């Protein structure tokens, strides 16, 4: 077998990140319905912390509420930064950083 097998939390993070990057929005209820996991469980498993989004909202990169995160037109260039909030390797001391946004 080649490659890396993702654990359940990494698979969940991949789904959240992919949804956010492809659609420039993330609706927690829609995601929960799609993957069959309650919103509260998704947020808990991702160790979701809304305070990580505050600076991005102040800078006009996103708008967010408890139900949805939207990347603004101005923030579209920074969608990778927004998605990084949900990447467990980015805030769990992951040693490999392959690329950085401008």
PDB file of N, CA and C in Angstrom:
ATOM      1  N   UNK A   1       0.839  -1.173   0.000  1.00  0.00           N
ATOM      2  CA  UNK A   1       0.000   0.000   0.000  1.00  0.00           C
ATOM      3  C   UNK A   1       0.886   1.239   0.000  1.00  0.00           C
ATOM      4  N   UNK A   2       0.541   2.200  -0.825  1.00  0.00           N
ATOM      5  CA  UNK A   2       1.303   3.434  -0.914  1.00  0.00           C
ATOM      6  C   UNK A   2       0.463   4.596  -0.406  1.00  0.00           C
ATOM      7  N   UNK A   3       1.128   5.623   0.011  1.00  0.00           N
ATOM      8  CA  UNK A   3       0.428   6.821   0.442  1.00  0.00           C
ATOM      9  C   UNK A   3       0.208   6.856   1.943  1.00  0.00           C
ATOM     10  N   UNK A   4      -0.690   7.717   2.315  1.00  0.00           N
ATOM     11  CA  UNK A   4      -0.976   7.954   3.718  1.00  0.00           C
ATOM     12  C   UNK A   4      -2.464   7.726   3.953  1.00  0.00           C
ATOM     13  N   UNK A   5      -2.799   6.946   4.945  1.00  0.00           N
ATOM     14  CA  UNK A   5      -4.185   6.684   5.280  1.00  0.00           C
ATOM     15  C   UNK A   5      -4.641   7.714   6.304  1.00  0.00           C
ATOM     16  N   UNK A   6      -5.698   8.446   5.970  1.00  0.00           N
ATOM     17  CA  UNK A   6      -6.219   9.474   6.865  1.00  0.00           C
ATOM     18  C   UNK A   6      -7.054   8.846   7.971  1.00  0.00           C
ATOM     19  N   UNK A   7      -6.889   9.348   9.187  1.00  0.00           N
ATOM     20  CA  UNK A   7      -7.761   8.905  10.266  1.00  0.00           C
ATOM     21  C   UNK A   7      -9.099   9.671  10.156  1.00  0.00           C
ATOM     22  N   UNK A   8     -10.043   9.370  11.013  1.00  0.00           N
ATOM     23  CA  UNK A   8     -11.386   9.962  10.891  1.00  0.00           C
ATOM     24  C   UNK A   8     -11.376  11.478  11.030  1.00  0.00           C
ATOM     25  N   UNK A   9     -10.580  12.010  11.942  1.00  0.00           N
ATOM     26  CA  UNK A   9     -10.519  13.458  12.114  1.00  0.00           C
ATOM     27  C   UNK A   9      -9.919  14.129  10.882  1.00  0.00           C
ATOM     28  N   UNK A  10      -8.911  13.516  10.300  1.00  0.00           N
ATOM     29  CA  UNK A  10      -8.298  14.075   9.091  1.00  0.00           C
ATOM     30  C   UNK A  10      -9.265  14.017   7.915  1.00  0.00           C
ATOM     31  N   UNK A  11     -10.050  12.951   7.826  1.00  0.00           N
ATOM     32  CA  UNK A  11     -11.065  12.860   6.768  1.00  0.00           C
ATOM     33  C   UNK A  11     -12.120  13.946   6.942  1.00  0.00           C
ATOM     34  N   UNK A  12     -12.517  14.195   8.175  1.00  0.00           N
ATOM     35  CA  UNK A  12     -13.496  15.240   8.456  1.00  0.00           C
ATOM     36  C   UNK A  12     -12.926  16.607   8.108  1.00  0.00           C
ATOM     37  N   UNK A  13     -11.691  16.852   8.519  1.00  0.00           N
ATOM     38  CA  UNK A  13     -11.038  18.121   8.193  1.00  0.00           C
ATOM     39  C   UNK A  13     -10.925  18.299   6.682  1.00  0.00           C
ATOM     40  N   UNK A  14     -10.604  17.222   5.964  1.00  0.00           N
ATOM     41  CA  UNK A  14     -10.513  17.296   4.498  1.00  0.00           C
ATOM     42  C   UNK A  14     -11.852  17.707   3.898  1.00  0.00           C
ATOM     43  N   UNK A  15     -12.942  17.145   4.407  1.00  0.00           N
ATOM     44  CA  UNK A  15     -14.277  17.476   3.896  1.00  0.00           C
ATOM     45  C   UNK A  15     -14.612  18.948   4.144  1.00  0.00           C
ATOM     46  N   UNK A  16     -14.313  19.422   5.340  1.00  0.00           N
ATOM     47  CA  UNK A  16     -14.580  20.816   5.687  1.00  0.00           C
ATOM     48  C   UNK A  16     -13.735  21.748   4.817  1.00  0.00           C
ATOM     49  N   UNK A  17     -12.460  21.467   4.708  1.00  0.00           N
ATOM     50  CA  UNK A  17     -11.548  22.309   3.927  1.00  0.00           C
ATOM     51  C   UNK A  17     -11.930  22.309   2.453  1.00  0.00           C
ATOM     52  N   UNK A  18     -12.235  21.151   1.906  1.00  0.00           N
ATOM     53  CA  UNK A  18     -12.622  21.058   0.499  1.00  0.00           C
ATOM     54  C   UNK A  18     -13.898  21.843   0.239  1.00  0.00           C
ATOM     55  N   UNK A  19     -14.874  21.693   1.109  1.00  0.00           N
ATOM     56  CA  UNK A  19     -16.134  22.423   0.956  1.00  0.00           C
ATOM     57  C   UNK A  19     -15.891  23.923   0.983  1.00  0.00           C
ATOM     58  N   UNK A  20     -15.115  24.374   1.937  1.00  0.00           N
ATOM     59  CA  UNK A  20     -14.831  25.800   2.074  1.00  0.00           C
ATOM     60  C   UNK A  20     -14.053  26.346   0.876  1.00  0.00           C
ATOM     61  N   UNK A  21     -13.041  25.614   0.446  1.00  0.00           N
ATOM     62  CA  UNK A  21     -12.213  26.110  -0.662  1.00  0.00           C
ATOM     63  C   UNK A  21     -12.941  26.063  -2.002  1.00  0.00           C
ATOM     64  N   UNK A  22     -13.757  25.066  -2.224  1.00  0.00           N
ATOM     65  CA  UNK A  22     -14.454  24.942  -3.508  1.00  0.00           C
ATOM     66  C   UNK A  22     -15.650  25.880  -3.614  1.00  0.00           C
ATOM     67  N   UNK A  23     -16.344  26.097  -2.507  1.00  0.00           N
ATOM     68  CA  UNK A  23     -17.582  26.879  -2.536  1.00  0.00           C
ATOM     69  C   UNK A  23     -17.441  28.275  -1.947  1.00  0.00           C
ATOM     70  N   UNK A  24     -16.298  28.554  -1.340  1.00  0.00           N
ATOM     71  CA  UNK A  24     -16.043  29.813  -0.644  1.00  0.00           C
ATOM     72  C   UNK A  24     -17.108  30.096   0.412  1.00  0.00           C
ATOM     73  N   UNK A  25     -17.691  29.034   0.914  1.00  0.00           N
ATOM     74  CA  UNK A  25     -18.647  29.116   2.013  1.00  0.00           C
ATOM     75  C   UNK A  25     -18.749  27.753   2.670  1.00  0.00           C
ATOM     76  N   UNK A  26     -19.151  27.761   3.921  1.00  0.00           N
ATOM     77  CA  UNK A  26     -19.347  26.526   4.657  1.00  0.00           C
ATOM     78  C   UNK A  26     -20.584  26.696   5.524  1.00  0.00           C
ATOM     79  N   UNK A  27     -21.612  25.944   5.207  1.00  0.00           N
ATOM     80  CA  UNK A  27     -22.820  25.925   6.006  1.00  0.00           C
ATOM     81  C   UNK A  27     -22.763  24.661   6.858  1.00  0.00           C
ATOM     82  N   UNK A  28     -22.711  24.836   8.163  1.00  0.00           N
ATOM     83  CA  UNK A  28     -22.525  23.703   9.059  1.00  0.00           C
ATOM     84  C   UNK A  28     -23.664  22.694   8.965  1.00  0.00           C
ATOM     85  N   UNK A  29     -24.905  23.176   8.840  1.00  0.00           N
ATOM     86  CA  UNK A  29     -26.056  22.264   8.761  1.00  0.00           C
ATOM     87  C   UNK A  29     -26.016  21.434   7.476  1.00  0.00           C
ATOM     88  N   UNK A  30     -25.699  22.068   6.358  1.00  0.00           N
ATOM     89  CA  UNK A  30     -25.601  21.344   5.083  1.00  0.00           C
ATOM     90  C   UNK A  30     -24.507  20.285   5.157  1.00  0.00           C
ATOM     91  N   UNK A  31     -23.374  20.656   5.727  1.00  0.00           N
ATOM     92  CA  UNK A  31     -22.270  19.709   5.859  1.00  0.00           C
ATOM     93  C   UNK A  31     -22.671  18.534   6.750  1.00  0.00           C
ATOM     94  N   UNK A  32     -23.315  18.830   7.860  1.00  0.00           N
ATOM     95  CA  UNK A  32     -23.736  17.780   8.787  1.00  0.00           C
ATOM     96  C   UNK A  32     -24.700  16.813   8.110  1.00  0.00           C
ATOM     97  N   UNK A  33     -25.614  17.349   7.341  1.00  0.00           N
ATOM     98  CA  UNK A  33     -26.568  16.498   6.616  1.00  0.00           C
ATOM     99  C   UNK A  33     -25.839  15.642   5.582  1.00  0.00           C
ATOM    100  N   UNK A  34     -24.882  16.240   4.884  1.00  0.00           N
ATOM    101  CA  UNK A  34     -24.130  15.550   3.834  1.00  0.00           C
ATOM    102  C   UNK A  34     -23.319  14.369   4.377  1.00  0.00           C
ATOM    103  N   UNK A  35     -22.662  14.565   5.517  1.00  0.00           N
ATOM    104  CA  UNK A  35     -21.793  13.514   6.029  1.00  0.00           C
ATOM    105  C   UNK A  35     -22.424  12.693   7.151  1.00  0.00           C
ATOM    106  N   UNK A  36     -23.602  13.102   7.607  1.00  0.00           N
ATOM    107  CA  UNK A  36     -24.317  12.304   8.602  1.00  0.00           C
ATOM    108  C   UNK A  36     -23.773  12.388  10.014  1.00  0.00           C
ATOM    109  N   UNK A  37     -23.204  13.533  10.350  1.00  0.00           N
ATOM    110  CA  UNK A  37     -22.682  13.760  11.698  1.00  0.00           C
ATOM    111  C   UNK A  37     -23.284  15.063  12.209  1.00  0.00           C
ATOM    112  N   UNK A  38     -23.784  15.117  13.438  1.00  0.00           N
ATOM    113  CA  UNK A  38     -24.345  16.369  13.974  1.00  0.00           C
ATOM    114  C   UNK A  38     -23.317  17.500  14.002  1.00  0.00           C
ATOM    115  N   UNK A  39     -23.801  18.719  13.816  1.00  0.00           N
ATOM    116  CA  UNK A  39     -22.920  19.891  13.781  1.00  0.00           C
ATOM    117  C   UNK A  39     -22.051  19.970  15.033  1.00  0.00           C
ATOM    118  N   UNK A  40     -22.650  19.770  16.182  1.00  0.00           N
ATOM    119  CA  UNK A  40     -21.889  19.878  17.429  1.00  0.00           C
ATOM    120  C   UNK A  40     -20.745  18.872  17.460  1.00  0.00           C
ATOM    121  N   UNK A  41     -20.956  17.683  16.929  1.00  0.00           N
ATOM    122  CA  UNK A  41     -19.894  16.683  16.885  1.00  0.00           C
ATOM    123  C   UNK A  41     -18.794  17.057  15.899  1.00  0.00           C
ATOM    124  N   UNK A  42     -19.193  17.615  14.752  1.00  0.00           N
ATOM    125  CA  UNK A  42     -18.193  18.065  13.770  1.00  0.00           C
ATOM    126  C   UNK A  42     -17.280  19.112  14.400  1.00  0.00           C
ATOM    127  N   UNK A  43     -17.891  20.118  15.005  1.00  0.00           N
ATOM    128  CA  UNK A  43     -17.109  21.206  15.595  1.00  0.00           C
ATOM    129  C   UNK A  43     -16.225  20.692  16.728  1.00  0.00           C
ATOM    130  N   UNK A  44     -16.734  19.775  17.524  1.00  0.00           N
ATOM    131  CA  UNK A  44     -15.953  19.219  18.624  1.00  0.00           C
ATOM    132  C   UNK A  44     -14.767  18.420  18.102  1.00  0.00           C
ATOM    133  N   UNK A  45     -14.991  17.591  17.085  1.00  0.00           N
ATOM    134  CA  UNK A  45     -13.915  16.754  16.550  1.00  0.00           C
ATOM    135  C   UNK A  45     -12.845  17.580  15.851  1.00  0.00           C
ATOM    136  N   UNK A  46     -13.233  18.737  15.317  1.00  0.00           N
ATOM    137  CA  UNK A  46     -12.269  19.623  14.665  1.00  0.00           C
ATOM    138  C   UNK A  46     -11.609  20.575  15.657  1.00  0.00           C
ATOM    139  N   UNK A  47     -12.002  20.508  16.920  1.00  0.00           N
ATOM    140  CA  UNK A  47     -11.597  21.484  17.928  1.00  0.00           C
ATOM    141  C   UNK A  47     -11.798  22.903  17.386  1.00  0.00           C
ATOM    142  N   UNK A  48     -12.996  23.115  16.840  1.00  0.00           N
ATOM    143  CA  UNK A  48     -13.378  24.387  16.240  1.00  0.00           C
ATOM    144  C   UNK A  48     -13.389  25.484  17.286  1.00  0.00           C
ATOM    145  N   UNK A  49     -12.719  26.574  16.975  1.00  0.00           N
ATOM    146  CA  UNK A  49     -12.654  27.724  17.869  1.00  0.00           C
ATOM    147  C   UNK A  49     -12.965  28.964  17.041  1.00  0.00           C
ATOM    148  N   UNK A  50     -14.160  29.500  17.254  1.00  0.00           N
ATOM    149  CA  UNK A  50     -14.613  30.646  16.476  1.00  0.00           C
ATOM    150  C   UNK A  50     -13.679  31.848  16.620  1.00  0.00           C
ATOM    151  N   UNK A  51     -12.972  31.945  17.725  1.00  0.00           N
ATOM    152  CA  UNK A  51     -12.088  33.094  17.940  1.00  0.00           C
ATOM    153  C   UNK A  51     -10.959  33.154  16.903  1.00  0.00           C
ATOM    154  N   UNK A  52     -10.625  32.019  16.289  1.00  0.00           N
ATOM    155  CA  UNK A  52      -9.590  32.019  15.239  1.00  0.00           C
ATOM    156  C   UNK A  52     -10.054  32.756  13.993  1.00  0.00           C
ATOM    157  N   UNK A  53     -11.359  32.942  13.867  1.00  0.00           N
ATOM    158  CA  UNK A  53     -11.903  33.607  12.681  1.00  0.00           C
ATOM    159  C   UNK A  53     -12.083  35.110  12.875  1.00  0.00           C
ATOM    160  N   UNK A  54     -12.001  35.579  14.102  1.00  0.00           N
ATOM    161  CA  UNK A  54     -12.298  36.983  14.399  1.00  0.00           C
ATOM    162  C   UNK A  54     -11.426  37.967  13.629  1.00  0.00           C
ATOM    163  N   UNK A  55     -10.118  37.744  13.604  1.00  0.00           N
ATOM    164  CA  UNK A  55      -9.230  38.664  12.889  1.00  0.00           C
ATOM    165  C   UNK A  55      -9.527  38.675  11.395  1.00  0.00           C
ATOM    166  N   UNK A  56      -9.847  37.511  10.841  1.00  0.00           N
ATOM    167  CA  UNK A  56     -10.176  37.439   9.416  1.00  0.00           C
ATOM    168  C   UNK A  56     -11.464  38.203   9.126  1.00  0.00           C
ATOM    169  N   UNK A  57     -12.405  38.140  10.030  1.00  0.00           N
ATOM    170  CA  UNK A  57     -13.656  38.886   9.857  1.00  0.00           C
ATOM    171  C   UNK A  57     -13.397  40.390   9.959  1.00  0.00           C
ATOM    172  N   UNK A  58     -12.565  40.787  10.914  1.00  0.00           N
ATOM    173  CA  UNK A  58     -12.225  42.206  11.071  1.00  0.00           C
ATOM    174  C   UNK A  58     -11.520  42.749   9.834  1.00  0.00           C
ATOM    175  N   UNK A  59     -10.731  41.896   9.188  1.00  0.00           N
ATOM    176  CA  UNK A  59      -9.999  42.306   7.981  1.00  0.00           C
ATOM    177  C   UNK A  59     -10.854  42.227   6.719  1.00  0.00           C
ATOM    178  N   UNK A  60     -12.085  41.779   6.839  1.00  0.00           N
ATOM    179  CA  UNK A  60     -12.977  41.703   5.682  1.00  0.00           C
ATOM    180  C   UNK A  60     -12.755  40.488   4.801  1.00  0.00           C
ATOM    181  N   UNK A  61     -12.036  39.498   5.293  1.00  0.00           N
ATOM    182  CA  UNK A  61     -11.759  38.287   4.511  1.00  0.00           C
ATOM    183  C   UNK A  61     -12.955  37.349   4.528  1.00  0.00           C
ATOM    184  N   UNK A  62     -13.641  37.287   5.672  1.00  0.00           N
ATOM    185  CA  UNK A  62     -14.806  36.418   5.815  1.00  0.00           C
ATOM    186  C   UNK A  62     -15.920  37.134   6.562  1.00  0.00           C
ATOM    187  N   UNK A  63     -17.108  36.562   6.455  1.00  0.00           N
ATOM    188  CA  UNK A  63     -18.195  36.853   7.374  1.00  0.00           C
ATOM    189  C   UNK A  63     -18.563  35.513   7.979  1.00  0.00           C
ATOM    190  N   UNK A  64     -18.982  35.525   9.221  1.00  0.00           N
ATOM    191  CA  UNK A  64     -19.341  34.242   9.835  1.00  0.00           C
ATOM    192  C   UNK A  64     -20.413  34.427  10.889  1.00  0.00           C
ATOM    193  N   UNK A  65     -21.113  33.364  11.105  1.00  0.00           N
ATOM    194  CA  UNK A  65     -22.125  33.256  12.151  1.00  0.00           C
ATOM    195  C   UNK A  65     -21.982  31.854  12.729  1.00  0.00           C
ATOM    196  N   UNK A  66     -22.744  31.519  13.749  1.00  0.00           N
ATOM    197  CA  UNK A  66     -22.658  30.149  14.269  1.00  0.00           C
ATOM    198  C   UNK A  66     -23.043  29.088  13.227  1.00  0.00           C
ATOM    199  N   UNK A  67     -23.796  29.488  12.193  1.00  0.00           N
ATOM    200  CA  UNK A  67     -24.280  28.529  11.195  1.00  0.00           C
ATOM    201  C   UNK A  67     -23.491  28.503   9.894  1.00  0.00           C
ATOM    202  N   UNK A  68     -22.709  29.546   9.625  1.00  0.00           N
ATOM    203  CA  UNK A  68     -22.093  29.622   8.298  1.00  0.00           C
ATOM    204  C   UNK A  68     -20.843  30.491   8.304  1.00  0.00           C
ATOM    205  N   UNK A  69     -19.914  30.123   7.442  1.00  0.00           N
ATOM    206  CA  UNK A  69     -18.717  30.916   7.175  1.00  0.00           C
ATOM    207  C   UNK A  69     -18.728  31.224   5.686  1.00  0.00           C
ATOM    208  N   UNK A  70     -18.570  32.503   5.336  1.00  0.00           N
ATOM    209  CA  UNK A  70     -18.520  32.896   3.927  1.00  0.00           C
ATOM    210  C   UNK A  70     -17.237  33.677   3.677  1.00  0.00           C
ATOM    211  N   UNK A  71     -16.545  33.316   2.616  1.00  0.00           N
ATOM    212  CA  UNK A  71     -15.364  34.053   2.187  1.00  0.00           C
ATOM    213  C   UNK A  71     -15.860  35.206   1.326  1.00  0.00           C
ATOM    214  N   UNK A  72     -15.419  36.415   1.636  1.00  0.00           N
ATOM    215  CA  UNK A  72     -15.853  37.586   0.880  1.00  0.00           C
ATOM    216  C   UNK A  72     -15.130  37.650  -0.465  1.00  0.00           C
ATOM    217  N   UNK A  73     -15.605  38.534  -1.323  1.00  0.00           N
ATOM    218  CA  UNK A  73     -14.941  38.721  -2.619  1.00  0.00           C
ATOM    219  C   UNK A  73     -13.483  39.127  -2.389  1.00  0.00           C
ATOM    220  N   UNK A  74     -13.258  40.023  -1.466  1.00  0.00           N
ATOM    221  CA  UNK A  74     -11.899  40.450  -1.125  1.00  0.00           C
ATOM    222  C   UNK A  74     -11.084  39.308  -0.544  1.00  0.00           C
ATOM    223  N   UNK A  75     -11.732  38.444   0.216  1.00  0.00           N
ATOM    224  CA  UNK A  75     -11.041  37.357   0.888  1.00  0.00           C
ATOM    225  C   UNK A  75     -10.751  36.147   0.027  1.00  0.00           C
ATOM    226  N   UNK A  76     -11.263  36.123  -1.207  1.00  0.00           N
ATOM    227  CA  UNK A  76     -11.087  34.951  -2.067  1.00  0.00           C
ATOM    228  C   UNK A  76      -9.607  34.589  -2.250  1.00  0.00           C
ATOM    229  N   UNK A  77      -8.749  35.580  -2.279  1.00  0.00           N
ATOM    230  CA  UNK A  77      -7.313  35.313  -2.423  1.00  0.00           C
ATOM    231  C   UNK A  77      -6.723  34.646  -1.184  1.00  0.00           C
ATOM    232  N   UNK A  78      -7.427  34.739  -0.063  1.00  0.00           N
ATOM    233  CA  UNK A  78      -6.918  34.218   1.202  1.00  0.00           C
ATOM    234  C   UNK A  78      -7.674  32.985   1.686  1.00  0.00           C
ATOM    235  N   UNK A  79      -8.388  32.329   0.786  1.00  0.00           N
ATOM    236  CA  UNK A  79      -9.185  31.170   1.184  1.00  0.00           C
ATOM    237  C   UNK A  79      -8.322  30.079   1.814  1.00  0.00           C
ATOM    238  N   UNK A  80      -7.089  29.954   1.399  1.00  0.00           N
ATOM    239  CA  UNK A  80      -6.196  28.961   2.009  1.00  0.00           C
ATOM    240  C   UNK A  80      -5.926  29.280   3.473  1.00  0.00           C
ATOM    241  N   UNK A  81      -5.804  30.567   3.792  1.00  0.00           N
ATOM    242  CA  UNK A  81      -5.607  30.969   5.182  1.00  0.00           C
ATOM    243  C   UNK A  81      -6.827  30.614   6.030  1.00  0.00           C
ATOM    244  N   UNK A  82      -7.999  30.834   5.462  1.00  0.00           N
ATOM    245  CA  UNK A  82      -9.229  30.503   6.174  1.00  0.00           C
ATOM    246  C   UNK A  82      -9.310  28.989   6.376  1.00  0.00           C
ATOM    247  N   UNK A  83      -9.042  28.234   5.336  1.00  0.00           N
ATOM    248  CA  UNK A  83      -9.103  26.770   5.420  1.00  0.00           C
ATOM    249  C   UNK A  83      -8.088  26.216   6.419  1.00  0.00           C
ATOM    250  N   UNK A  84      -6.963  26.891   6.579  1.00  0.00           N
ATOM    251  CA  UNK A  84      -5.922  26.418   7.495  1.00  0.00           C
ATOM    252  C   UNK A  84      -6.412  26.365   8.942  1.00  0.00           C
ATOM    253  N   UNK A  85      -7.435  27.138   9.265  1.00  0.00           N
ATOM    254  CA  UNK A  85      -8.010  27.103  10.612  1.00  0.00           C
ATOM    255  C   UNK A  85      -8.513  25.702  10.942  1.00  0.00           C
ATOM    256  N   UNK A  86      -8.924  24.952   9.925  1.00  0.00           N
ATOM    257  CA  UNK A  86      -9.495  23.624  10.125  1.00  0.00           C
ATOM    258  C   UNK A  86      -8.503  22.489   9.890  1.00  0.00           C
ATOM    259  N   UNK A  87      -7.274  22.818   9.576  1.00  0.00           N
ATOM    260  CA  UNK A  87      -6.257  21.801   9.309  1.00  0.00           C
ATOM    261  C   UNK A  87      -5.579  21.409  10.612  1.00  0.00           C
ATOM    262  N   UNK A  88      -5.793  20.176  11.082  1.00  0.00           N
ATOM    263  CA  UNK A  88      -5.204  19.780  12.357  1.00  0.00           C
ATOM    264  C   UNK A  88      -3.676  19.822  12.358  1.00  0.00           C
ATOM    265  N   UNK A  89      -3.060  19.645  11.226  1.00  0.00           N
ATOM    266  CA  UNK A  89      -1.596  19.692  11.166  1.00  0.00           C
ATOM    267  C   UNK A  89      -1.056  21.114  11.327  1.00  0.00           C
ATOM    268  N   UNK A  90      -1.882  22.098  11.003  1.00  0.00           N
ATOM    269  CA  UNK A  90      -1.439  23.485  11.104  1.00  0.00           C
ATOM    270  C   UNK A  90      -1.416  23.984  12.550  1.00  0.00           C
ATOM    271  N   UNK A  91      -2.277  23.433  13.408  1.00  0.00           N
ATOM    272  CA  UNK A  91      -2.281  23.918  14.784  1.00  0.00           C
ATOM    273  C   UNK A  91      -1.989  22.827  15.803  1.00  0.00           C
ATOM    274  N   UNK A  92      -1.514  21.681  15.345  1.00  0.00           N
ATOM    275  CA  UNK A  92      -1.057  20.633  16.258  1.00  0.00           C
ATOM    276  C   UNK A  92       0.437  20.411  16.142  1.00  0.00           C
ATOM    277  N   UNK A  93       1.140  21.423  15.698  1.00  0.00           N
ATOM    278  CA  UNK A  93       2.582  21.315  15.610  1.00  0.00           C
ATOM    279  C   UNK A  93       3.059  20.413  14.477  1.00  0.00           C
ATOM    280  N   UNK A  94       2.320  20.378  13.377  1.00  0.00           N
ATOM    281  CA  UNK A  94       2.732  19.579  12.234  1.00  0.00           C
ATOM    282  C   UNK A  94       4.085  20.046  11.720  1.00  0.00           C
ATOM    283  N   UNK A  95       4.970  19.111  11.461  1.00  0.00           N
ATOM    284  CA  UNK A  95       6.332  19.451  11.101  1.00  0.00           C
ATOM    285  C   UNK A  95       6.477  19.817   9.636  1.00  0.00           C
ATOM    286  N   UNK A  96       5.573  19.337   8.784  1.00  0.00           N
ATOM    287  CA  UNK A  96       5.735  19.573   7.356  1.00  0.00           C
ATOM    288  C   UNK A  96       4.832  20.695   6.888  1.00  0.00           C
ATOM    289  N   UNK A  97       5.434  21.755   6.414  1.00  0.00           N
ATOM    290  CA  UNK A  97       4.713  22.861   5.798  1.00  0.00           C
ATOM    291  C   UNK A  97       5.183  22.921   4.361  1.00  0.00           C
ATOM    292  N   UNK A  98       4.320  22.530   3.437  1.00  0.00           N
ATOM    293  CA  UNK A  98       4.745  22.421   2.053  1.00  0.00           C
ATOM    294  C   UNK A  98       4.676  23.731   1.293  1.00  0.00           C
ATOM    295  N   UNK A  99       3.685  24.524   1.546  1.00  0.00           N
ATOM    296  CA  UNK A  99       3.605  25.802   0.868  1.00  0.00           C
ATOM    297  C   UNK A  99       2.924  26.798   1.777  1.00  0.00           C
ATOM    298  N   UNK A 100       3.217  28.047   1.551  1.00  0.00           N
ATOM    299  CA  UNK A 100       2.635  29.110   2.366  1.00  0.00           C
ATOM    300  C   UNK A 100       1.971  30.113   1.444  1.00  0.00           C
ATOM    301  N   UNK A 101       0.852  30.679   1.905  1.00  0.00           N
ATOM    302  CA  UNK A 101       0.207  31.690   1.079  1.00  0.00           C
ATOM    303  C   UNK A 101       1.048  32.954   1.036  1.00  0.00           C
ATOM    304  N   UNK A 102       0.797  33.769   0.058  1.00  0.00           N
ATOM    305  CA  UNK A 102       1.545  35.016  -0.112  1.00  0.00           C
ATOM    306  C   UNK A 102       1.310  35.930   1.054  1.00  0.00           C
TER     307      UNK A 102
END
